[in-house]
Amino acid sequence: MVMKLLRFATAVVPLALAVACSSACAADAASAPAATVALPPVEVSVLRDPVEKSYRRIARGMDVFEQRRGLAPNASLRFKLLPRTRDTSMEHIALSIVSDNVSIPVRVTADHTFALERSRQALDEDAVVVPNRRARSMTWRAEVRSPGLPADTRRLGDLRLECYVGVEAGLVSNPRSIIDEILRLAEDRDYCNQRVPHYYFFADRPLWSVTLVDGSRREVLPVDQMYAGISREPKSSDDLRYCDCEVLIDRAYFAPLGDRRWPDDTLVELQYMDDPSPGTVDAPDATSEGVRQ
């Protein structure tokens, strides 16, 4: 019994002394004048800026490009930056691959496209690709271009490959909620195989029409596959905040990626609003018609 008491005292007394000392020190500190200590600035980031993209995911998209080269055997892969707000400046964009011990500048050309080099260290350190732009100011797309196409013309196989790369690389706009993200991820593998997936392609200028051409077969895309589908599903101003078509509605169109009746060599002819003779039928006002307040 005595030994137990001794062991108990041995354990408790130092603890009691420590508590007493802490209390006394706290009291002394409270009575003493407060000292000003200069601390170095600390940057706190709760969430990564949505305009940043994961280097690992983009590298996976680059892998998909190589795996599916049969869709566009002669094409090259680049990535493109596009504005999401009307006040976004697309001039003098500085882009870098950044991690704890990596900082690799990326050259952005005058057409706002760039290519990424492969870096094992950037992969290992889970780097991000970062432009000098604020959150939600820009969106990203893969750009697959086969050489030798006429002006204002895309190739359907190139667009199919853009969708595969873009989805794998995580380039599509931010979802509205965690539920939307879960549903989107569940669809990723087969999304680009849908007959007409709602994957936005963006033309260089406001569109008048989009025509598919395969030999003598020609078909103009219906209006509900243009202008981000606003003739079928009007979008509110709040909806547009979660759509990377936000200020590009008049340039946005869908393509029949999963419709195998159209081969990969199908040409996609783009006719623009400012072409000399775009047509005689009034096109919908893509900047206001169908956009609810």
Protein backbone atom coordinates (compact mmCIF):
# COMPACT_ATOMS: atom_id res chain seq x y z
CA MET A 1 0.00 0.00 0.00
CA VAL A 2 2.81 2.43 0.86
CA MET A 3 4.57 1.64 -2.43
CA LYS A 4 1.38 2.40 -4.33
CA LEU A 5 1.08 5.76 -2.55
CA LEU A 6 4.71 6.56 -3.32
CA ARG A 7 4.23 5.73 -7.01
CA PHE A 8 1.07 7.86 -7.08
CA ALA A 9 2.87 10.78 -5.45
CA THR A 10 5.81 10.41 -7.79
CA ALA A 11 3.49 10.68 -10.79
CA VAL A 12 1.16 13.39 -9.51
CA VAL A 13 3.49 15.84 -7.77
CA PRO A 14 5.51 16.81 -10.89
CA LEU A 15 2.25 17.26 -12.79
CA ALA A 16 0.86 19.49 -10.03
CA LEU A 17 4.04 21.53 -10.00
CA ALA A 18 3.88 21.96 -13.77
CA VAL A 19 0.27 23.15 -13.61
CA ALA A 20 1.07 25.55 -10.78
CA CYS A 21 4.03 26.92 -12.66
CA SER A 22 1.93 27.39 -15.79
CA SER A 23 -0.71 29.29 -13.83
CA ALA A 24 1.89 31.51 -12.21
CA CYS A 25 3.58 32.20 -15.52
CA ALA A 26 0.23 33.07 -17.09
CA ALA A 27 -0.53 35.45 -14.22
CA ASP A 28 2.86 37.14 -14.61
CA ALA A 29 2.30 37.47 -18.34
CA ALA A 30 -1.12 39.01 -17.78
CA SER A 31 0.29 41.65 -15.42
CA ALA A 32 3.26 42.50 -17.63
CA PRO A 33 2.96 44.97 -20.55
CA ALA A 34 2.15 43.29 -23.84
CA ALA A 35 5.15 42.92 -26.13
CA THR A 36 4.82 43.49 -29.89
CA VAL A 37 6.46 40.75 -31.91
CA ALA A 38 6.88 41.14 -35.66
CA LEU A 39 6.02 37.89 -37.39
CA PRO A 40 6.66 37.11 -41.05
CA PRO A 41 3.56 37.30 -43.27
CA VAL A 42 1.71 34.00 -43.64
CA GLU A 43 -0.34 33.21 -46.72
CA VAL A 44 -3.35 31.02 -45.94
CA SER A 45 -5.16 29.25 -48.77
CA VAL A 46 -8.32 27.35 -47.93
CA LEU A 47 -9.03 26.15 -51.46
CA ARG A 48 -6.97 26.15 -54.56
CA ASP A 49 -7.98 28.89 -56.95
CA PRO A 50 -10.35 27.28 -59.49
CA VAL A 51 -8.38 28.84 -62.35
CA GLU A 52 -5.46 26.58 -61.43
CA LYS A 53 -5.38 23.11 -62.94
CA SER A 54 -3.78 19.92 -61.71
CA TYR A 55 -0.60 19.10 -63.61
CA ARG A 56 -1.15 15.39 -62.93
CA ARG A 57 -4.61 15.50 -64.50
CA ILE A 58 -3.41 17.42 -67.52
CA ALA A 59 -0.58 14.89 -67.91
CA ARG A 60 -3.23 12.15 -67.89
CA GLY A 61 -5.00 14.03 -70.64
CA MET A 62 -1.75 14.09 -72.60
CA ASP A 63 -1.54 10.32 -72.16
CA VAL A 64 -5.09 9.95 -73.52
CA PHE A 65 -4.06 11.99 -76.56
CA GLU A 66 -1.31 9.45 -77.31
CA GLN A 67 -3.57 6.47 -76.60
CA ARG A 68 -6.30 7.70 -78.96
CA ARG A 69 -4.10 9.12 -81.71
CA GLY A 70 -6.08 7.07 -84.23
CA LEU A 71 -8.82 9.70 -84.07
CA ALA A 72 -6.43 12.34 -85.39
CA PRO A 73 -3.22 10.65 -86.62
CA ASN A 74 -1.51 13.82 -87.88
CA ALA A 75 -2.73 16.25 -85.24
CA SER A 76 -0.83 18.08 -82.53
CA LEU A 77 -2.04 18.80 -79.00
CA ARG A 78 -2.06 22.18 -77.37
CA PHE A 79 -4.18 23.74 -74.65
CA LYS A 80 -6.13 26.97 -74.95
CA LEU A 81 -7.16 29.67 -72.49
CA LEU A 82 -10.47 31.48 -72.99
CA PRO A 83 -12.18 34.30 -71.07
CA ARG A 84 -15.03 33.64 -68.64
CA THR A 85 -15.86 37.25 -67.89
CA ARG A 86 -16.12 40.32 -70.10
CA ASP A 87 -13.43 42.17 -68.17
CA THR A 88 -10.85 39.37 -68.39
CA SER A 89 -7.73 40.54 -70.17
CA MET A 90 -6.25 37.85 -72.38
CA GLU A 91 -3.07 39.81 -73.04
CA HIS A 92 0.28 39.18 -71.36
CA ILE A 93 -0.77 35.96 -69.63
CA ALA A 94 2.01 34.44 -67.57
CA LEU A 95 1.67 30.69 -66.99
CA SER A 96 3.79 28.37 -64.85
CA ILE A 97 3.98 24.81 -63.55
CA VAL A 98 4.40 25.26 -59.80
CA SER A 99 4.98 23.00 -56.79
CA ASP A 100 7.09 23.14 -53.63
CA ASN A 101 10.37 22.78 -55.51
CA VAL A 102 9.33 23.33 -59.12
CA SER A 103 8.69 26.49 -61.09
CA ILE A 104 8.61 26.00 -64.85
CA PRO A 105 7.50 28.92 -67.03
CA VAL A 106 5.13 28.01 -69.88
CA ARG A 107 5.05 30.09 -73.05
CA VAL A 108 1.57 31.27 -74.08
CA THR A 109 1.39 32.26 -77.75
CA ALA A 110 -0.61 35.09 -79.30
CA ASP A 111 -3.58 32.78 -79.93
CA HIS A 112 -3.66 32.01 -76.17
CA THR A 113 -2.50 28.41 -76.62
CA PHE A 114 0.35 26.55 -74.97
CA ALA A 115 2.00 23.14 -74.74
CA LEU A 116 3.17 21.53 -71.50
CA GLU A 117 6.46 19.73 -71.02
CA ARG A 118 6.59 16.54 -69.00
CA SER A 119 8.28 16.76 -65.62
CA ARG A 120 8.65 13.79 -63.28
CA GLN A 121 9.33 16.08 -60.32
CA ALA A 122 6.19 18.12 -61.05
CA LEU A 123 4.18 14.90 -61.14
CA ASP A 124 5.69 13.63 -57.89
CA GLU A 125 5.03 16.93 -56.11
CA ASP A 126 1.44 17.23 -57.41
CA ALA A 127 2.15 20.53 -59.16
CA VAL A 128 -0.47 22.92 -60.49
CA VAL A 129 -0.55 24.90 -63.72
CA VAL A 130 -1.10 28.52 -62.72
CA PRO A 131 -1.87 31.60 -64.83
CA ASN A 132 -1.63 35.11 -63.43
CA ARG A 133 -5.39 35.54 -63.43
CA ARG A 134 -7.99 35.58 -60.68
CA ALA A 135 -10.45 32.80 -59.88
CA ARG A 136 -13.16 32.04 -62.46
CA SER A 137 -11.77 34.56 -64.89
CA MET A 138 -10.77 32.01 -67.54
CA THR A 139 -11.61 28.56 -68.81
CA TRP A 140 -9.41 25.95 -70.48
CA ARG A 141 -9.74 23.61 -73.44
CA ALA A 142 -7.66 21.03 -75.22
CA GLU A 143 -6.96 22.02 -78.82
CA VAL A 144 -6.33 19.24 -81.33
CA ARG A 145 -5.61 20.46 -84.85
CA SER A 146 -4.94 18.36 -87.94
CA PRO A 147 -2.85 20.20 -90.56
CA GLY A 148 -4.08 21.18 -94.01
CA LEU A 149 -7.70 22.03 -93.17
CA PRO A 150 -9.46 24.92 -94.96
CA ALA A 151 -9.97 28.15 -93.04
CA ASP A 152 -12.83 28.19 -90.52
CA THR A 153 -13.03 24.41 -90.61
CA ARG A 154 -12.58 21.80 -87.91
CA ARG A 155 -12.33 18.02 -88.23
CA LEU A 156 -14.75 15.81 -86.27
CA GLY A 157 -12.04 13.33 -85.22
CA ASP A 158 -10.06 16.24 -83.78
CA LEU A 159 -13.10 17.37 -81.79
CA ARG A 160 -13.68 13.83 -80.50
CA LEU A 161 -10.10 13.69 -79.28
CA GLU A 162 -10.41 17.16 -77.70
CA CYS A 163 -13.34 15.91 -75.64
CA TYR A 164 -11.47 12.81 -74.42
CA VAL A 165 -8.41 14.86 -73.49
CA GLY A 166 -10.39 17.70 -71.92
CA VAL A 167 -12.51 15.42 -69.72
CA GLU A 168 -9.50 13.40 -68.55
CA ALA A 169 -7.47 16.55 -67.90
CA GLY A 170 -10.24 18.15 -65.83
CA LEU A 171 -10.46 21.24 -68.02
CA VAL A 172 -14.25 21.61 -67.91
CA SER A 173 -15.88 24.36 -65.86
CA ASN A 174 -16.41 24.08 -62.12
CA PRO A 175 -19.61 22.20 -61.15
CA ARG A 176 -22.39 23.79 -59.13
CA SER A 177 -22.09 21.40 -56.16
CA ILE A 178 -20.34 18.32 -54.79
CA ILE A 179 -23.26 16.24 -56.07
CA ASP A 180 -22.73 17.60 -59.58
CA GLU A 181 -19.04 16.71 -59.30
CA ILE A 182 -19.82 13.13 -58.23
CA LEU A 183 -22.30 12.70 -61.07
CA ARG A 184 -19.86 14.18 -63.57
CA LEU A 185 -17.05 11.88 -62.50
CA ALA A 186 -19.38 8.89 -62.78
CA GLU A 187 -20.08 9.82 -66.40
CA ASP A 188 -16.53 10.73 -67.43
CA ARG A 189 -15.51 7.47 -69.05
CA ASP A 190 -18.38 7.35 -71.53
CA TYR A 191 -19.30 11.01 -71.67
CA CYS A 192 -17.65 11.69 -75.03
CA ASN A 193 -19.34 8.62 -76.55
CA GLN A 194 -22.81 10.08 -76.09
CA ARG A 195 -24.54 10.88 -79.36
CA VAL A 196 -24.36 14.63 -78.73
CA PRO A 197 -22.60 15.22 -75.39
CA HIS A 198 -22.95 18.68 -73.90
CA TYR A 199 -19.26 19.37 -74.22
CA TYR A 200 -18.81 22.96 -75.32
CA PHE A 201 -16.64 23.72 -78.32
CA PHE A 202 -15.86 27.40 -78.84
CA ALA A 203 -15.40 29.08 -82.20
CA ASP A 204 -13.11 32.06 -82.65
CA ARG A 205 -15.98 34.48 -83.30
CA PRO A 206 -19.78 34.61 -82.91
CA LEU A 207 -21.36 31.84 -84.97
CA TRP A 208 -24.05 31.96 -87.61
CA SER A 209 -24.11 28.24 -88.47
CA VAL A 210 -22.18 24.96 -88.16
CA THR A 211 -22.32 22.46 -91.02
CA LEU A 212 -21.11 18.84 -91.07
CA VAL A 213 -19.66 17.75 -94.42
CA ASP A 214 -18.80 14.17 -95.43
CA GLY A 215 -18.30 13.94 -99.18
CA SER A 216 -21.59 14.97 -100.77
CA ARG A 217 -23.48 14.68 -97.49
CA ARG A 218 -24.10 17.97 -95.71
CA GLU A 219 -26.07 18.69 -92.56
CA VAL A 220 -26.49 21.97 -90.70
CA LEU A 221 -26.51 21.59 -86.92
CA PRO A 222 -29.92 22.42 -85.42
CA VAL A 223 -30.08 25.61 -83.41
CA ASP A 224 -30.46 23.70 -80.13
CA GLN A 225 -26.91 22.40 -80.63
CA MET A 226 -25.60 25.94 -80.91
CA TYR A 227 -25.35 28.91 -78.53
CA ALA A 228 -24.86 26.55 -75.55
CA GLY A 229 -28.31 25.05 -76.18
CA ILE A 230 -30.18 28.10 -74.83
CA SER A 231 -33.04 27.63 -77.31
CA ARG A 232 -33.81 24.31 -75.62
CA GLU A 233 -32.69 25.02 -72.07
CA PRO A 234 -32.68 28.74 -71.21
CA LYS A 235 -30.03 29.66 -68.68
CA SER A 236 -30.43 32.09 -65.83
CA SER A 237 -27.73 34.55 -64.90
CA ASP A 238 -26.99 32.32 -61.91
CA ASP A 239 -26.62 29.27 -64.19
CA LEU A 240 -24.04 31.10 -66.26
CA ARG A 241 -21.84 31.63 -63.21
CA TYR A 242 -21.25 27.87 -63.24
CA CYS A 243 -20.79 27.56 -67.00
CA ASP A 244 -17.54 28.25 -68.79
CA CYS A 245 -19.70 29.45 -71.70
CA GLU A 246 -20.52 32.48 -69.54
CA VAL A 247 -19.44 35.12 -72.08
CA LEU A 248 -18.97 32.75 -75.04
CA ILE A 249 -22.57 31.65 -75.65
CA ASP A 250 -22.57 33.06 -79.18
CA ARG A 251 -19.47 30.99 -79.98
CA ALA A 252 -20.47 27.73 -78.29
CA TYR A 253 -21.69 24.63 -80.10
CA PHE A 254 -22.07 20.90 -79.53
CA ALA A 255 -20.89 18.23 -81.97
CA PRO A 256 -22.28 14.71 -82.62
CA LEU A 257 -19.24 13.02 -81.16
CA GLY A 258 -20.90 9.66 -80.49
CA ASP A 259 -22.78 9.49 -83.81
CA ARG A 260 -20.61 7.08 -85.80
CA ARG A 261 -22.56 7.75 -88.98
CA TRP A 262 -20.22 10.72 -89.21
CA PRO A 263 -16.63 9.46 -89.69
CA ASP A 264 -13.59 11.09 -88.10
CA ASP A 265 -12.69 12.84 -91.37
CA THR A 266 -16.01 14.71 -91.38
CA LEU A 267 -15.41 18.42 -91.82
CA VAL A 268 -17.08 20.89 -89.46
CA GLU A 269 -17.57 24.15 -91.33
CA LEU A 270 -18.02 27.28 -89.22
CA GLN A 271 -19.84 30.27 -90.62
CA TYR A 272 -19.60 33.46 -88.61
CA MET A 273 -22.00 36.31 -87.94
CA ASP A 274 -19.57 38.79 -89.48
CA ASP A 275 -19.09 36.81 -92.70
CA PRO A 276 -20.10 38.84 -95.81
CA SER A 277 -23.34 36.88 -96.42
CA PRO A 278 -24.15 34.76 -93.36
CA GLY A 279 -27.76 34.14 -94.48
CA THR A 280 -31.20 35.66 -94.55
CA VAL A 281 -32.82 34.13 -91.45
CA ASP A 282 -32.37 35.93 -88.16
CA ALA A 283 -30.28 33.89 -85.75
CA PRO A 284 -31.19 33.94 -82.06
CA ASP A 285 -29.66 36.72 -80.01
CA ALA A 286 -27.23 34.53 -78.10
CA THR A 287 -26.25 37.31 -75.74
CA SER A 288 -29.76 37.93 -74.38
CA GLU A 289 -32.39 35.64 -75.89
CA GLY A 290 -32.72 32.60 -73.69
CA VAL A 291 -30.75 34.09 -70.81
CA ARG A 292 -33.07 34.69 -67.87
CA GLN A 293 -32.32 37.20 -65.16
